[in-house]
Structures are given as C-alpha cells and as structure tokens.
Amino acid sequence: MTVTKEQVSAAIRTTQAVAEAIRELKEVPSGQLYSRLMSQMDLERYNNIIALLKKAGVVSESNHLLKWIGN
C-alpha cells in the first residue's frame, strides 16, 4: 500500500485538530471527546492519535481524563 502526500497531510491536520481541541478544553474525558469525533474517525485512529500526543508529551491521561500539558 502506497501512502500519498495528501494522506500524510490529512493525518497531520487531523492530529493537529485533536490536539487543538484538547488544548482549548484544557481537560476532557476521553470518551466524551471521542463521541464528538466518532463520525470523523474510527476508535483505532482516535486511540493512535491520543497515543501519539501522549508520547509527544503534550497530553497526559489519568482515569480516562485527557489534560493538555504542552505549551
């Protein structure tokens, strides 16, 4: 499977949008955020994005509560 430049750009924009939503909310229950996004992405993609944001050190998660910890 070949990944196109457009697909990579779309993935980056999606990740940025999820990060921005968490940043603006400061903290949000993960299930509540996913319920807002489920028409746009499946659970696997959502979980991958959250894992990426946590690995990047901009989001923390405790008891399913996502908190913005980035700048």
C-alpha atoms as a PDB file:
ATOM      1  CA  MET A   1       0.000   0.000   0.000  1.00  0.00           C
ATOM      2  CA  THR A   2       1.391   3.362  -1.017  1.00  0.00           C
ATOM      3  CA  VAL A   3       0.721   6.339   1.219  1.00  0.00           C
ATOM      4  CA  THR A   4       0.243   9.544  -0.704  1.00  0.00           C
ATOM      5  CA  LYS A   5       1.430  13.005   0.228  1.00  0.00           C
ATOM      6  CA  GLU A   6      -2.213  14.042   0.566  1.00  0.00           C
ATOM      7  CA  GLN A   7      -2.903  11.212   3.032  1.00  0.00           C
ATOM      8  CA  VAL A   8       0.082  12.215   5.158  1.00  0.00           C
ATOM      9  CA  SER A   9      -1.061  15.852   5.121  1.00  0.00           C
ATOM     10  CA  ALA A  10      -4.586  14.826   6.123  1.00  0.00           C
ATOM     11  CA  ALA A  11      -3.252  12.717   9.013  1.00  0.00           C
ATOM     12  CA  ILE A  12      -1.160  15.632  10.264  1.00  0.00           C
ATOM     13  CA  ARG A  13      -4.102  18.035  10.050  1.00  0.00           C
ATOM     14  CA  THR A  14      -6.340  15.568  11.920  1.00  0.00           C
ATOM     15  CA  THR A  15      -3.768  15.132  14.689  1.00  0.00           C
ATOM     16  CA  GLN A  16      -3.381  18.909  14.950  1.00  0.00           C
ATOM     17  CA  ALA A  17      -7.159  19.349  15.177  1.00  0.00           C
ATOM     18  CA  VAL A  18      -7.476  16.807  18.004  1.00  0.00           C
ATOM     19  CA  ALA A  19      -4.543  18.416  19.839  1.00  0.00           C
ATOM     20  CA  GLU A  20      -6.093  21.852  19.423  1.00  0.00           C
ATOM     21  CA  ALA A  21      -9.430  20.638  20.800  1.00  0.00           C
ATOM     22  CA  ILE A  22      -7.745  19.243  23.915  1.00  0.00           C
ATOM     23  CA  ARG A  23      -5.645  22.393  24.299  1.00  0.00           C
ATOM     24  CA  GLU A  24      -8.695  24.647  24.139  1.00  0.00           C
ATOM     25  CA  LEU A  25     -10.672  22.496  26.587  1.00  0.00           C
ATOM     26  CA  LYS A  26      -7.640  22.138  28.906  1.00  0.00           C
ATOM     27  CA  GLU A  27      -9.041  18.771  30.032  1.00  0.00           C
ATOM     28  CA  VAL A  28     -11.727  16.479  28.700  1.00  0.00           C
ATOM     29  CA  PRO A  29     -12.879  12.918  29.350  1.00  0.00           C
ATOM     30  CA  SER A  30     -11.520  10.791  26.514  1.00  0.00           C
ATOM     31  CA  GLY A  31     -14.866   9.107  25.857  1.00  0.00           C
ATOM     32  CA  GLN A  32     -16.586  12.467  25.611  1.00  0.00           C
ATOM     33  CA  LEU A  33     -14.027  13.718  23.102  1.00  0.00           C
ATOM     34  CA  TYR A  34     -14.270  10.535  21.043  1.00  0.00           C
ATOM     35  CA  SER A  35     -18.070  10.777  20.991  1.00  0.00           C
ATOM     36  CA  ARG A  36     -17.675  14.190  19.365  1.00  0.00           C
ATOM     37  CA  LEU A  37     -15.228  12.791  16.797  1.00  0.00           C
ATOM     38  CA  MET A  38     -16.645   9.339  16.071  1.00  0.00           C
ATOM     39  CA  SER A  39     -18.399  10.496  12.898  1.00  0.00           C
ATOM     40  CA  GLN A  40     -14.989  11.614  11.592  1.00  0.00           C
ATOM     41  CA  MET A  41     -12.762   8.674  12.602  1.00  0.00           C
ATOM     42  CA  ASP A  42     -12.858   5.172  13.986  1.00  0.00           C
ATOM     43  CA  LEU A  43     -11.765   4.268  17.507  1.00  0.00           C
ATOM     44  CA  GLU A  44      -8.433   2.829  16.382  1.00  0.00           C
ATOM     45  CA  ARG A  45      -7.414   6.064  14.658  1.00  0.00           C
ATOM     46  CA  TYR A  46      -8.572   8.094  17.675  1.00  0.00           C
ATOM     47  CA  ASN A  47      -6.547   5.917  20.060  1.00  0.00           C
ATOM     48  CA  ASN A  48      -3.490   6.188  17.810  1.00  0.00           C
ATOM     49  CA  ILE A  49      -3.734   9.982  17.786  1.00  0.00           C
ATOM     50  CA  ILE A  50      -4.108  10.147  21.576  1.00  0.00           C
ATOM     51  CA  ALA A  51      -1.125   7.794  21.991  1.00  0.00           C
ATOM     52  CA  LEU A  52       0.940   9.994  19.686  1.00  0.00           C
ATOM     53  CA  LEU A  53       0.022  13.156  21.620  1.00  0.00           C
ATOM     54  CA  LYS A  54       0.878  11.464  24.924  1.00  0.00           C
ATOM     55  CA  LYS A  55       4.202  10.221  23.516  1.00  0.00           C
ATOM     56  CA  ALA A  56       4.952  13.747  22.290  1.00  0.00           C
ATOM     57  CA  GLY A  57       4.442  14.971  25.852  1.00  0.00           C
ATOM     58  CA  VAL A  58       1.659  17.439  25.129  1.00  0.00           C
ATOM     59  CA  VAL A  59      -1.225  15.407  26.591  1.00  0.00           C
ATOM     60  CA  SER A  60      -1.471  13.315  29.744  1.00  0.00           C
ATOM     61  CA  GLU A  61      -4.186  10.820  30.619  1.00  0.00           C
ATOM     62  CA  SER A  62      -5.327   9.700  34.039  1.00  0.00           C
ATOM     63  CA  ASN A  63      -8.541   7.756  34.654  1.00  0.00           C
ATOM     64  CA  HIS A  64      -9.559   8.468  31.033  1.00  0.00           C
ATOM     65  CA  LEU A  65      -9.248  12.229  31.572  1.00  0.00           C
ATOM     66  CA  LEU A  66      -7.096  13.891  28.925  1.00  0.00           C
ATOM     67  CA  LYS A  67      -5.209  17.001  30.047  1.00  0.00           C
ATOM     68  CA  TRP A  68      -3.219  19.429  27.934  1.00  0.00           C
ATOM     69  CA  ILE A  69       0.309  19.732  29.326  1.00  0.00           C
ATOM     70  CA  GLY A  70       2.045  21.194  26.264  1.00  0.00           C
ATOM     71  CA  ASN A  71       2.900  24.801  25.662  1.00  0.00           C
END
